[in-house]
C-alpha atoms as a PDB file:
ATOM      1  CA  MET A   1     -48.506 -31.810  22.374  1.00  0.00           C
ATOM      2  CA  PRO A   2     -47.704 -34.378  19.548  1.00  0.00           C
ATOM      3  CA  HIS A   3     -50.868 -35.741  18.012  1.00  0.00           C
ATOM      4  CA  THR A   4     -51.431 -39.604  18.337  1.00  0.00           C
ATOM      5  CA  PRO A   5     -53.531 -40.767  15.448  1.00  0.00           C
ATOM      6  CA  ASN A   6     -56.718 -42.585  16.360  1.00  0.00           C
ATOM      7  CA  ARG A   7     -57.842 -45.894  14.722  1.00  0.00           C
ATOM      8  CA  ARG A   8     -60.019 -44.093  12.204  1.00  0.00           C
ATOM      9  CA  GLU A   9     -57.152 -41.961  11.061  1.00  0.00           C
ATOM     10  CA  ILE A  10     -54.872 -45.056  10.837  1.00  0.00           C
ATOM     11  CA  LEU A  11     -57.350 -46.882   8.662  1.00  0.00           C
ATOM     12  CA  ALA A  12     -57.896 -43.907   6.427  1.00  0.00           C
ATOM     13  CA  GLY A  13     -54.070 -43.618   5.878  1.00  0.00           C
ATOM     14  CA  ALA A  14     -53.939 -47.225   5.149  1.00  0.00           C
ATOM     15  CA  ALA A  15     -56.720 -47.025   2.544  1.00  0.00           C
ATOM     16  CA  ALA A  16     -55.050 -44.022   0.859  1.00  0.00           C
ATOM     17  CA  LEU A  17     -51.806 -45.930   0.694  1.00  0.00           C
ATOM     18  CA  SER A  18     -53.560 -48.944  -0.780  1.00  0.00           C
ATOM     19  CA  ALA A  19     -55.216 -46.774  -3.421  1.00  0.00           C
ATOM     20  CA  ALA A  20     -51.787 -45.260  -4.433  1.00  0.00           C
ATOM     21  CA  ALA A  21     -50.028 -48.610  -4.362  1.00  0.00           C
ATOM     22  CA  PRO A  22     -50.811 -49.519  -8.088  1.00  0.00           C
ATOM     23  CA  ALA A  23     -49.256 -46.225  -9.194  1.00  0.00           C
ATOM     24  CA  LEU A  24     -46.321 -46.706  -6.853  1.00  0.00           C
ATOM     25  CA  LEU A  25     -45.694 -50.167  -8.180  1.00  0.00           C
ATOM     26  CA  HIS A  26     -45.535 -48.934 -11.782  1.00  0.00           C
ATOM     27  CA  ALA A  27     -43.530 -45.794 -11.142  1.00  0.00           C
ATOM     28  CA  ALA A  28     -40.116 -45.654 -12.510  1.00  0.00           C
ATOM     29  CA  THR A  29     -37.347 -46.815 -10.136  1.00  0.00           C
ATOM     30  CA  PRO A  30     -33.596 -46.689 -10.415  1.00  0.00           C
ATOM     31  CA  ALA A  31     -33.630 -50.416 -11.279  1.00  0.00           C
ATOM     32  CA  ASP A  32     -36.062 -49.818 -14.037  1.00  0.00           C
ATOM     33  CA  ASN A  33     -33.993 -46.924 -15.513  1.00  0.00           C
ATOM     34  CA  PRO A  34     -30.380 -47.369 -14.490  1.00  0.00           C
ATOM     35  CA  SER A  35     -27.893 -44.750 -15.821  1.00  0.00           C
ATOM     36  CA  LEU A  36     -25.647 -46.295 -18.452  1.00  0.00           C
ATOM     37  CA  LYS A  37     -23.620 -43.007 -18.863  1.00  0.00           C
ATOM     38  CA  GLY A  38     -20.064 -43.721 -19.662  1.00  0.00           C
ATOM     39  CA  ARG A  39     -20.912 -47.024 -21.319  1.00  0.00           C
ATOM     40  CA  THR A  40     -20.223 -47.855 -24.984  1.00  0.00           C
ATOM     41  CA  VAL A  41     -22.580 -50.638 -26.306  1.00  0.00           C
ATOM     42  CA  LEU A  42     -22.475 -52.419 -29.581  1.00  0.00           C
ATOM     43  CA  ILE A  43     -25.602 -54.360 -30.553  1.00  0.00           C
ATOM     44  CA  THR A  44     -25.946 -56.539 -33.589  1.00  0.00           C
ATOM     45  CA  GLY A  45     -29.162 -57.063 -35.467  1.00  0.00           C
ATOM     46  CA  CYS A  46     -30.715 -53.638 -34.871  1.00  0.00           C
ATOM     47  CA  SER A  47     -32.998 -53.464 -37.851  1.00  0.00           C
ATOM     48  CA  SER A  48     -35.985 -54.642 -35.813  1.00  0.00           C
ATOM     49  CA  GLY A  49     -37.111 -56.327 -32.594  1.00  0.00           C
ATOM     50  CA  PHE A  50     -34.947 -56.589 -29.619  1.00  0.00           C
ATOM     51  CA  GLY A  51     -31.951 -55.131 -31.391  1.00  0.00           C
ATOM     52  CA  ARG A  52     -33.734 -51.813 -32.440  1.00  0.00           C
ATOM     53  CA  LEU A  53     -35.477 -51.516 -29.068  1.00  0.00           C
ATOM     54  CA  GLY A  54     -32.251 -52.254 -27.090  1.00  0.00           C
ATOM     55  CA  ALA A  55     -30.371 -49.650 -29.115  1.00  0.00           C
ATOM     56  CA  LEU A  56     -32.873 -46.862 -28.362  1.00  0.00           C
ATOM     57  CA  HIS A  57     -33.276 -47.952 -24.731  1.00  0.00           C
ATOM     58  CA  CYS A  58     -29.564 -48.033 -23.986  1.00  0.00           C
ATOM     59  CA  ALA A  59     -29.090 -44.767 -25.651  1.00  0.00           C
ATOM     60  CA  ARG A  60     -31.962 -43.156 -23.594  1.00  0.00           C
ATOM     61  CA  LEU A  61     -30.165 -44.382 -20.438  1.00  0.00           C
ATOM     62  CA  GLY A  62     -27.065 -42.411 -21.496  1.00  0.00           C
ATOM     63  CA  ALA A  63     -24.900 -44.988 -23.267  1.00  0.00           C
ATOM     64  CA  LYS A  64     -23.054 -44.408 -26.540  1.00  0.00           C
ATOM     65  CA  VAL A  65     -24.668 -47.027 -28.770  1.00  0.00           C
ATOM     66  CA  ILE A  66     -23.276 -48.491 -31.924  1.00  0.00           C
ATOM     67  CA  ALA A  67     -26.343 -50.206 -33.601  1.00  0.00           C
ATOM     68  CA  THR A  68     -25.374 -52.551 -36.368  1.00  0.00           C
ATOM     69  CA  MET A  69     -27.289 -54.212 -39.185  1.00  0.00           C
ATOM     70  CA  ARG A  70     -26.570 -55.746 -42.496  1.00  0.00           C
ATOM     71  CA  GLY A  71     -27.571 -54.460 -46.003  1.00  0.00           C
ATOM     72  CA  LEU A  72     -27.152 -50.762 -45.635  1.00  0.00           C
ATOM     73  CA  PRO A  73     -28.578 -48.407 -46.865  1.00  0.00           C
ATOM     74  CA  ARG A  74     -32.105 -49.601 -45.841  1.00  0.00           C
ATOM     75  CA  VAL A  75     -35.239 -47.976 -44.453  1.00  0.00           C
ATOM     76  CA  GLU A  76     -34.900 -49.427 -41.056  1.00  0.00           C
ATOM     77  CA  ALA A  77     -31.518 -47.698 -40.610  1.00  0.00           C
ATOM     78  CA  GLU A  78     -33.030 -44.377 -41.824  1.00  0.00           C
ATOM     79  CA  SER A  79     -35.943 -44.598 -39.453  1.00  0.00           C
ATOM     80  CA  LEU A  80     -33.670 -45.558 -36.429  1.00  0.00           C
ATOM     81  CA  ALA A  81     -31.322 -42.703 -37.213  1.00  0.00           C
ATOM     82  CA  ALA A  82     -34.245 -40.266 -37.410  1.00  0.00           C
ATOM     83  CA  GLU A  83     -35.612 -41.368 -34.126  1.00  0.00           C
ATOM     84  CA  ALA A  84     -32.210 -41.035 -32.451  1.00  0.00           C
ATOM     85  CA  ALA A  85     -31.667 -37.656 -33.963  1.00  0.00           C
ATOM     86  CA  LYS A  86     -35.093 -36.402 -32.789  1.00  0.00           C
ATOM     87  CA  GLU A  87     -34.198 -37.360 -29.168  1.00  0.00           C
ATOM     88  CA  LYS A  88     -30.478 -36.201 -29.576  1.00  0.00           C
ATOM     89  CA  LEU A  89     -29.247 -39.652 -28.653  1.00  0.00           C
ATOM     90  CA  ASP A  90     -25.602 -40.729 -28.917  1.00  0.00           C
ATOM     91  CA  LEU A  91     -26.465 -43.591 -31.325  1.00  0.00           C
ATOM     92  CA  HIS A  92     -24.524 -44.515 -34.371  1.00  0.00           C
ATOM     93  CA  ILE A  93     -25.400 -46.922 -37.160  1.00  0.00           C
ATOM     94  CA  VAL A  94     -22.701 -49.200 -38.596  1.00  0.00           C
ATOM     95  CA  GLU A  95     -23.048 -51.954 -41.251  1.00  0.00           C
ATOM     96  CA  ILE A  96     -22.164 -55.467 -39.983  1.00  0.00           C
ATOM     97  CA  ASP A  97     -23.267 -58.776 -41.574  1.00  0.00           C
ATOM     98  CA  VAL A  98     -22.402 -61.278 -38.828  1.00  0.00           C
ATOM     99  CA  THR A  99     -22.250 -64.122 -41.496  1.00  0.00           C
ATOM    100  CA  ASN A 100     -19.426 -62.315 -43.357  1.00  0.00           C
ATOM    101  CA  ASP A 101     -15.867 -62.118 -42.077  1.00  0.00           C
ATOM    102  CA  ALA A 102     -14.902 -59.042 -44.028  1.00  0.00           C
ATOM    103  CA  SER A 103     -18.009 -57.291 -42.852  1.00  0.00           C
ATOM    104  CA  VAL A 104     -17.300 -58.027 -39.225  1.00  0.00           C
ATOM    105  CA  ALA A 105     -13.807 -56.946 -39.627  1.00  0.00           C
ATOM    106  CA  SER A 106     -14.613 -53.601 -41.263  1.00  0.00           C
ATOM    107  CA  GLY A 107     -17.663 -52.938 -39.196  1.00  0.00           C
ATOM    108  CA  THR A 108     -16.005 -53.577 -35.790  1.00  0.00           C
ATOM    109  CA  ALA A 109     -12.983 -51.350 -36.908  1.00  0.00           C
ATOM    110  CA  LYS A 110     -15.395 -48.511 -37.741  1.00  0.00           C
ATOM    111  CA  ALA A 111     -17.263 -49.083 -34.407  1.00  0.00           C
ATOM    112  CA  LEU A 112     -14.090 -48.963 -32.408  1.00  0.00           C
ATOM    113  CA  ASP A 113     -13.040 -45.826 -34.277  1.00  0.00           C
ATOM    114  CA  ILE A 114     -16.460 -44.228 -33.305  1.00  0.00           C
ATOM    115  CA  ALA A 115     -16.034 -45.447 -29.666  1.00  0.00           C
ATOM    116  CA  GLY A 116     -12.505 -43.996 -29.292  1.00  0.00           C
ATOM    117  CA  GLY A 117     -10.952 -47.438 -29.305  1.00  0.00           C
ATOM    118  CA  HIS A 118     -12.859 -49.160 -26.646  1.00  0.00           C
ATOM    119  CA  ILE A 119     -16.210 -50.895 -26.657  1.00  0.00           C
ATOM    120  CA  ASP A 120     -17.156 -52.286 -23.119  1.00  0.00           C
ATOM    121  CA  THR A 121     -20.327 -54.061 -23.884  1.00  0.00           C
ATOM    122  CA  LEU A 122     -21.187 -56.365 -26.815  1.00  0.00           C
ATOM    123  CA  VAL A 123     -24.820 -57.526 -27.252  1.00  0.00           C
ATOM    124  CA  ASN A 124     -24.920 -60.400 -29.862  1.00  0.00           C
ATOM    125  CA  ASN A 125     -28.553 -60.141 -30.814  1.00  0.00           C
ATOM    126  CA  ALA A 126     -28.546 -60.878 -34.504  1.00  0.00           C
ATOM    127  CA  GLY A 127     -30.261 -64.292 -35.309  1.00  0.00           C
ATOM    128  CA  ILE A 128     -32.867 -66.024 -37.452  1.00  0.00           C
ATOM    129  CA  GLY A 129     -35.266 -68.906 -37.370  1.00  0.00           C
ATOM    130  CA  ILE A 130     -36.187 -71.517 -39.860  1.00  0.00           C
ATOM    131  CA  THR A 131     -38.937 -74.105 -38.859  1.00  0.00           C
ATOM    132  CA  GLY A 132     -39.683 -77.549 -39.963  1.00  0.00           C
ATOM    133  CA  PRO A 133     -38.697 -81.123 -39.105  1.00  0.00           C
ATOM    134  CA  VAL A 134     -35.014 -81.903 -38.894  1.00  0.00           C
ATOM    135  CA  GLU A 135     -34.978 -84.103 -41.980  1.00  0.00           C
ATOM    136  CA  VAL A 136     -36.579 -81.269 -44.010  1.00  0.00           C
ATOM    137  CA  GLN A 137     -33.704 -78.840 -43.099  1.00  0.00           C
ATOM    138  CA  ASP A 138     -31.535 -78.996 -46.169  1.00  0.00           C
ATOM    139  CA  MET A 139     -27.947 -77.917 -46.062  1.00  0.00           C
ATOM    140  CA  MET A 140     -28.726 -74.415 -47.301  1.00  0.00           C
ATOM    141  CA  ALA A 141     -31.006 -73.781 -44.375  1.00  0.00           C
ATOM    142  CA  THR A 142     -28.746 -75.641 -41.925  1.00  0.00           C
ATOM    143  CA  GLN A 143     -25.723 -73.586 -42.871  1.00  0.00           C
ATOM    144  CA  LEU A 144     -27.580 -70.303 -42.904  1.00  0.00           C
ATOM    145  CA  ILE A 145     -28.983 -70.630 -39.443  1.00  0.00           C
ATOM    146  CA  PHE A 146     -25.801 -71.896 -37.932  1.00  0.00           C
ATOM    147  CA  ASP A 147     -23.737 -69.232 -39.689  1.00  0.00           C
ATOM    148  CA  THR A 148     -25.994 -66.505 -38.285  1.00  0.00           C
ATOM    149  CA  ASN A 149     -26.928 -67.629 -34.811  1.00  0.00           C
ATOM    150  CA  VAL A 150     -23.693 -69.413 -33.876  1.00  0.00           C
ATOM    151  CA  PHE A 151     -20.714 -68.531 -36.092  1.00  0.00           C
ATOM    152  CA  GLY A 152     -21.956 -64.862 -36.133  1.00  0.00           C
ATOM    153  CA  ILE A 153     -21.447 -64.602 -32.410  1.00  0.00           C
ATOM    154  CA  GLN A 154     -18.052 -66.283 -32.697  1.00  0.00           C
ATOM    155  CA  ARG A 155     -17.000 -63.743 -35.325  1.00  0.00           C
ATOM    156  CA  MET A 156     -18.028 -60.918 -33.120  1.00  0.00           C
ATOM    157  CA  LEU A 157     -16.362 -62.284 -29.986  1.00  0.00           C
ATOM    158  CA  ARG A 158     -13.086 -62.764 -31.854  1.00  0.00           C
ATOM    159  CA  ALA A 159     -13.295 -59.200 -33.177  1.00  0.00           C
ATOM    160  CA  LEU A 160     -14.039 -57.402 -29.962  1.00  0.00           C
ATOM    161  CA  LEU A 161     -12.655 -59.587 -27.025  1.00  0.00           C
ATOM    162  CA  PRO A 162      -8.979 -58.532 -27.656  1.00  0.00           C
ATOM    163  CA  GLN A 163      -9.674 -54.872 -26.629  1.00  0.00           C
ATOM    164  CA  MET A 164     -11.778 -56.014 -23.638  1.00  0.00           C
ATOM    165  CA  ARG A 165      -8.981 -58.199 -22.481  1.00  0.00           C
ATOM    166  CA  ALA A 166      -6.475 -55.424 -22.829  1.00  0.00           C
ATOM    167  CA  ALA A 167      -8.849 -53.277 -20.599  1.00  0.00           C
ATOM    168  CA  ARG A 168      -9.329 -56.203 -18.215  1.00  0.00           C
ATOM    169  CA  SER A 169     -13.013 -55.338 -18.172  1.00  0.00           C
ATOM    170  CA  GLY A 170     -16.130 -55.715 -20.267  1.00  0.00           C
ATOM    171  CA  GLN A 171     -19.341 -57.459 -20.751  1.00  0.00           C
ATOM    172  CA  VAL A 172     -20.923 -59.770 -23.360  1.00  0.00           C
ATOM    173  CA  PHE A 173     -24.601 -60.535 -23.660  1.00  0.00           C
ATOM    174  CA  ASN A 174     -25.541 -63.491 -25.901  1.00  0.00           C
ATOM    175  CA  ILE A 175     -29.263 -63.640 -26.849  1.00  0.00           C
ATOM    176  CA  SER A 176     -30.417 -67.245 -26.582  1.00  0.00           C
ATOM    177  CA  SER A 177     -33.998 -68.431 -26.054  1.00  0.00           C
ATOM    178  CA  GLN A 178     -36.290 -70.607 -23.933  1.00  0.00           C
ATOM    179  CA  LEU A 179     -35.619 -73.067 -26.815  1.00  0.00           C
ATOM    180  CA  GLY A 180     -31.953 -73.026 -25.948  1.00  0.00           C
ATOM    181  CA  ARG A 181     -32.901 -75.185 -23.057  1.00  0.00           C
ATOM    182  CA  VAL A 182     -36.181 -76.868 -24.093  1.00  0.00           C
ATOM    183  CA  ILE A 183     -37.323 -78.270 -27.430  1.00  0.00           C
ATOM    184  CA  VAL A 184     -40.445 -78.128 -29.550  1.00  0.00           C
ATOM    185  CA  PRO A 185     -40.869 -80.649 -32.350  1.00  0.00           C
ATOM    186  CA  GLY A 186     -40.920 -78.973 -35.727  1.00  0.00           C
ATOM    187  CA  GLY A 187     -38.762 -76.065 -34.690  1.00  0.00           C
ATOM    188  CA  GLY A 188     -36.146 -76.771 -37.252  1.00  0.00           C
ATOM    189  CA  HIS A 189     -32.509 -76.195 -36.116  1.00  0.00           C
ATOM    190  CA  TYR A 190     -33.455 -73.122 -34.002  1.00  0.00           C
ATOM    191  CA  SER A 191     -32.963 -75.112 -30.707  1.00  0.00           C
ATOM    192  CA  ALA A 192     -29.819 -76.702 -31.972  1.00  0.00           C
ATOM    193  CA  THR A 193     -28.194 -73.373 -32.564  1.00  0.00           C
ATOM    194  CA  LYS A 194     -29.464 -71.844 -29.285  1.00  0.00           C
ATOM    195  CA  PHE A 195     -28.246 -74.952 -27.323  1.00  0.00           C
ATOM    196  CA  ALA A 196     -24.838 -74.198 -28.983  1.00  0.00           C
ATOM    197  CA  VAL A 197     -25.113 -70.554 -27.914  1.00  0.00           C
ATOM    198  CA  GLU A 198     -25.832 -71.662 -24.378  1.00  0.00           C
ATOM    199  CA  ALA A 199     -22.688 -74.033 -24.330  1.00  0.00           C
ATOM    200  CA  LEU A 200     -20.454 -71.547 -25.943  1.00  0.00           C
ATOM    201  CA  SER A 201     -21.417 -68.809 -23.607  1.00  0.00           C
ATOM    202  CA  GLU A 202     -21.099 -70.698 -20.436  1.00  0.00           C
ATOM    203  CA  GLN A 203     -17.631 -71.976 -21.354  1.00  0.00           C
ATOM    204  CA  LEU A 204     -16.695 -68.418 -22.442  1.00  0.00           C
ATOM    205  CA  ALA A 205     -17.894 -67.121 -18.988  1.00  0.00           C
ATOM    206  CA  TYR A 206     -15.500 -69.488 -17.151  1.00  0.00           C
ATOM    207  CA  GLU A 207     -12.540 -68.542 -19.389  1.00  0.00           C
ATOM    208  CA  LEU A 208     -13.088 -64.790 -19.139  1.00  0.00           C
ATOM    209  CA  VAL A 209     -13.103 -64.779 -15.280  1.00  0.00           C
ATOM    210  CA  PRO A 210      -9.360 -64.017 -15.044  1.00  0.00           C
ATOM    211  CA  HIS A 211      -9.806 -61.138 -17.565  1.00  0.00           C
ATOM    212  CA  GLY A 212     -12.633 -59.429 -15.666  1.00  0.00           C
ATOM    213  CA  ILE A 213     -15.153 -59.816 -18.391  1.00  0.00           C
ATOM    214  CA  ASP A 214     -18.783 -60.899 -17.560  1.00  0.00           C
ATOM    215  CA  VAL A 215     -20.839 -63.042 -19.814  1.00  0.00           C
ATOM    216  CA  THR A 216     -24.740 -63.190 -19.580  1.00  0.00           C
ATOM    217  CA  ILE A 217     -27.041 -65.383 -21.560  1.00  0.00           C
ATOM    218  CA  ILE A 218     -30.576 -63.858 -22.126  1.00  0.00           C
ATOM    219  CA  GLN A 219     -33.321 -66.429 -22.600  1.00  0.00           C
ATOM    220  CA  PRO A 220     -36.466 -64.703 -23.983  1.00  0.00           C
ATOM    221  CA  GLY A 221     -39.659 -66.443 -24.396  1.00  0.00           C
ATOM    222  CA  GLY A 222     -41.981 -65.616 -27.424  1.00  0.00           C
ATOM    223  CA  TYR A 223     -42.501 -61.912 -28.104  1.00  0.00           C
ATOM    224  CA  PRO A 224     -44.445 -60.213 -30.968  1.00  0.00           C
ATOM    225  CA  THR A 225     -41.496 -58.979 -32.886  1.00  0.00           C
ATOM    226  CA  LYS A 226     -40.586 -58.991 -36.764  1.00  0.00           C
ATOM    227  CA  VAL A 227     -38.808 -62.217 -36.181  1.00  0.00           C
ATOM    228  CA  TRP A 228     -42.065 -63.995 -37.275  1.00  0.00           C
ATOM    229  CA  VAL A 229     -41.957 -62.094 -40.709  1.00  0.00           C
ATOM    230  CA  ASN A 230     -38.324 -63.044 -41.336  1.00  0.00           C
ATOM    231  CA  ARG A 231     -38.701 -66.560 -40.152  1.00  0.00           C
ATOM    232  CA  ASN A 232     -41.703 -67.065 -42.550  1.00  0.00           C
ATOM    233  CA  ALA A 233     -39.595 -65.832 -45.427  1.00  0.00           C
ATOM    234  CA  TYR A 234     -36.711 -68.404 -44.785  1.00  0.00           C
ATOM    235  CA  THR A 235     -39.115 -71.115 -43.990  1.00  0.00           C
ATOM    236  CA  GLY A 236     -41.371 -70.470 -46.939  1.00  0.00           C
ATOM    237  CA  ALA A 237     -38.330 -70.658 -49.229  1.00  0.00           C
ATOM    238  CA  LEU A 238     -37.274 -73.920 -47.730  1.00  0.00           C
ATOM    239  CA  LYS A 239     -40.744 -75.473 -48.193  1.00  0.00           C
ATOM    240  CA  ALA A 240     -40.832 -74.343 -51.739  1.00  0.00           C
ATOM    241  CA  ARG A 241     -37.673 -76.119 -52.561  1.00  0.00           C
ATOM    242  CA  SER A 242     -38.359 -79.283 -50.585  1.00  0.00           C
ATOM    243  CA  ASP A 243     -39.578 -82.602 -52.075  1.00  0.00           C
ATOM    244  CA  ALA A 244     -43.343 -83.020 -51.704  1.00  0.00           C
ATOM    245  CA  ALA A 245     -42.950 -86.585 -50.528  1.00  0.00           C
ATOM    246  CA  LEU A 246     -40.651 -85.490 -47.728  1.00  0.00           C
ATOM    247  CA  LEU A 247     -43.045 -82.768 -46.644  1.00  0.00           C
ATOM    248  CA  ASP A 248     -45.970 -85.307 -46.701  1.00  0.00           C
ATOM    249  CA  ALA A 249     -43.972 -87.669 -44.507  1.00  0.00           C
ATOM    250  CA  TYR A 250     -43.990 -85.036 -41.757  1.00  0.00           C
ATOM    251  CA  ALA A 251     -47.332 -83.517 -42.666  1.00  0.00           C
ATOM    252  CA  PRO A 252     -48.382 -82.457 -39.076  1.00  0.00           C
ATOM    253  CA  PHE A 253     -45.315 -80.356 -38.891  1.00  0.00           C
ATOM    254  CA  THR A 254     -44.880 -79.121 -42.471  1.00  0.00           C
ATOM    255  CA  ARG A 255     -48.492 -78.024 -43.199  1.00  0.00           C
ATOM    256  CA  GLY A 256     -48.024 -74.516 -41.542  1.00  0.00           C
ATOM    257  CA  MET A 257     -44.465 -73.884 -42.559  1.00  0.00           C
ATOM    258  CA  GLY A 258     -43.952 -70.364 -43.629  1.00  0.00           C
ATOM    259  CA  THR A 259     -47.387 -69.254 -42.329  1.00  0.00           C
ATOM    260  CA  GLU A 260     -46.823 -68.551 -38.581  1.00  0.00           C
ATOM    261  CA  ASP A 261     -47.640 -65.066 -37.556  1.00  0.00           C
ATOM    262  CA  GLY A 262     -46.950 -64.997 -33.763  1.00  0.00           C
ATOM    263  CA  SER A 263     -50.447 -63.992 -33.010  1.00  0.00           C
ATOM    264  CA  GLY A 264     -51.678 -64.151 -29.516  1.00  0.00           C
ATOM    265  CA  ARG A 265     -48.373 -62.986 -28.092  1.00  0.00           C
ATOM    266  CA  SER A 266     -48.793 -59.707 -26.256  1.00  0.00           C
ATOM    267  CA  ALA A 267     -45.788 -59.465 -24.026  1.00  0.00           C
ATOM    268  CA  ASP A 268     -43.780 -56.305 -24.171  1.00  0.00           C
ATOM    269  CA  PRO A 269     -40.615 -56.817 -26.246  1.00  0.00           C
ATOM    270  CA  LEU A 270     -38.961 -54.060 -24.125  1.00  0.00           C
ATOM    271  CA  ASP A 271     -38.722 -56.600 -21.378  1.00  0.00           C
ATOM    272  CA  VAL A 272     -35.473 -57.761 -22.974  1.00  0.00           C
ATOM    273  CA  PRO A 273     -33.643 -54.448 -23.282  1.00  0.00           C
ATOM    274  CA  ARG A 274     -34.880 -53.614 -19.738  1.00  0.00           C
ATOM    275  CA  ALA A 275     -33.303 -56.788 -18.352  1.00  0.00           C
ATOM    276  CA  ILE A 276     -30.111 -56.170 -20.261  1.00  0.00           C
ATOM    277  CA  ALA A 277     -29.752 -52.585 -19.021  1.00  0.00           C
ATOM    278  CA  GLU A 278     -30.450 -53.732 -15.373  1.00  0.00           C
ATOM    279  CA  ILE A 279     -27.733 -56.418 -15.583  1.00  0.00           C
ATOM    280  CA  MET A 280     -25.386 -53.995 -17.391  1.00  0.00           C
ATOM    281  CA  ALA A 281     -25.699 -51.548 -14.371  1.00  0.00           C
ATOM    282  CA  MET A 282     -24.757 -54.359 -11.852  1.00  0.00           C
ATOM    283  CA  PRO A 283     -21.336 -54.439 -10.305  1.00  0.00           C
ATOM    284  CA  ALA A 284     -18.764 -56.297 -12.375  1.00  0.00           C
ATOM    285  CA  GLY A 285     -18.400 -59.949 -11.233  1.00  0.00           C
ATOM    286  CA  LYS A 286     -21.846 -60.023  -9.692  1.00  0.00           C
ATOM    287  CA  ARG A 287     -23.933 -60.254 -12.893  1.00  0.00           C
ATOM    288  CA  PRO A 288     -25.855 -63.477 -13.519  1.00  0.00           C
ATOM    289  CA  LEU A 289     -24.750 -66.133 -15.988  1.00  0.00           C
ATOM    290  CA  ARG A 290     -28.289 -66.573 -17.244  1.00  0.00           C
ATOM    291  CA  ARG A 291     -31.580 -64.518 -17.129  1.00  0.00           C
ATOM    292  CA  ALA A 292     -34.894 -65.859 -18.333  1.00  0.00           C
ATOM    293  CA  VAL A 293     -37.156 -63.164 -19.693  1.00  0.00           C
ATOM    294  CA  HIS A 294     -40.804 -63.362 -20.097  1.00  0.00           C
ATOM    295  CA  PRO A 295     -43.910 -62.485 -18.003  1.00  0.00           C
ATOM    296  CA  GLY A 296     -45.307 -66.006 -18.515  1.00  0.00           C
ATOM    297  CA  ASN A 297     -43.988 -69.558 -18.060  1.00  0.00           C
ATOM    298  CA  LYS A 298     -40.215 -69.936 -18.008  1.00  0.00           C
ATOM    299  CA  PRO A 299     -39.651 -73.728 -18.235  1.00  0.00           C
ATOM    300  CA  GLN A 300     -35.909 -73.194 -18.753  1.00  0.00           C
ATOM    301  CA  GLU A 301     -35.343 -71.937 -15.144  1.00  0.00           C
ATOM    302  CA  ALA A 302     -35.519 -75.501 -13.631  1.00  0.00           C
ATOM    303  CA  ILE A 303     -32.800 -76.701 -16.166  1.00  0.00           C
ATOM    304  CA  ASN A 304     -30.729 -73.549 -15.375  1.00  0.00           C
ATOM    305  CA  ARG A 305     -30.694 -74.413 -11.622  1.00  0.00           C
ATOM    306  CA  VAL A 306     -29.827 -78.033 -12.178  1.00  0.00           C
ATOM    307  CA  SER A 307     -27.117 -77.223 -14.697  1.00  0.00           C
ATOM    308  CA  ALA A 308     -25.535 -74.830 -12.230  1.00  0.00           C
ATOM    309  CA  GLU A 309     -25.730 -77.424  -9.393  1.00  0.00           C
ATOM    310  CA  VAL A 310     -24.192 -80.079 -11.638  1.00  0.00           C
ATOM    311  CA  GLN A 311     -21.269 -77.787 -12.753  1.00  0.00           C
ATOM    312  CA  LEU A 312     -20.521 -76.970  -9.171  1.00  0.00           C
ATOM    313  CA  ALA A 313     -20.627 -80.420  -7.958  1.00  0.00           C
ATOM    314  CA  TRP A 314     -18.610 -81.729 -10.863  1.00  0.00           C
ATOM    315  CA  LEU A 315     -15.896 -79.166 -11.129  1.00  0.00           C
ATOM    316  CA  GLY A 316     -16.322 -77.064  -7.912  1.00  0.00           C
ATOM    317  CA  GLY A 317     -13.650 -79.049  -6.066  1.00  0.00           C
ATOM    318  CA  SER A 318     -11.226 -79.299  -9.004  1.00  0.00           C
ATOM    319  CA  ALA A 319      -8.519 -76.914 -10.133  1.00  0.00           C
ATOM    320  CA  LEU A 320     -11.275 -75.312 -12.327  1.00  0.00           C
ATOM    321  CA  GLY A 321     -13.313 -74.660  -9.164  1.00  0.00           C
ATOM    322  CA  PRO A 322     -12.517 -71.056  -8.680  1.00  0.00           C
ATOM    323  CA  LEU A 323     -13.610 -70.232 -12.247  1.00  0.00           C
ATOM    324  CA  VAL A 324     -16.754 -72.134 -12.016  1.00  0.00           C
ATOM    325  CA  LYS A 325     -17.593 -70.757  -8.571  1.00  0.00           C
ATOM    326  CA  ALA A 326     -16.937 -67.227  -9.696  1.00  0.00           C
ATOM    327  CA  VAL A 327     -19.480 -67.631 -12.447  1.00  0.00           C
ATOM    328  CA  HIS A 328     -22.352 -69.542 -10.512  1.00  0.00           C
ATOM    329  CA  ASP A 329     -21.794 -68.023  -7.017  1.00  0.00           C
END
């Protein structure tokens, strides 16, 4: 006869399931580790941070990865290559300085040769930060940050979109920031560049709908990566060449220029590569335009929602409506 569990057995089973729940919740799932086999991914800015972690993560999930960075040879490239070789990952390192037209042209040509002529995913990750008040940002600092964070993306898009359009498929990830939607005083032109990335990316997403290419903007919060070290180098140099009277005029914001260390940030930087891989594995045409990434507060999400509502209300009923709806719906 079939056994009917009594109340005590049911409660015992429930308790065992509850005890196992934490382990189950943290077990790897297909969403956590999607297969990226067959994908060819080019990532800029792979010397450290999200770029390096993303290159290894995507390669571990089965993708062919072209990890790019400037200034080769360098120790960061050697250590990345060694780690990839140890794990037998399909990872290739190519030199690309996104601020240099010739470097982008030669680097993407080499990358396409490695990829057999087709790169289906571009991750525009390379970027820098320079802090301080707006008036303190001299033209050297202003040109450098825009050349890296905005013009660098434009160079990479123009280099790799033609072959994606020819294939009528592809995917572009542009790394923005919480600060691409909200503003912190004293943050230099970082927000200005990331606001530009947000606008460029959204416009691009609409324009690429007929070509079958998806665009996703990643909006990370603050993470403990090497970005703080690099930012301090640029910011310290700016402070050193700035007029003392100008620095004094903005004393609350200039006092700590070049000394920020990102301490107190404990979030896992792998959150960003995981989010990118998850979105990459989604069906084409179903990927989100924006993804806020951080375990803590994400103030940009409210702006993201309002922005989408405004775009749909403004253009949804126009001749451009199908493009806008394809991106937001």
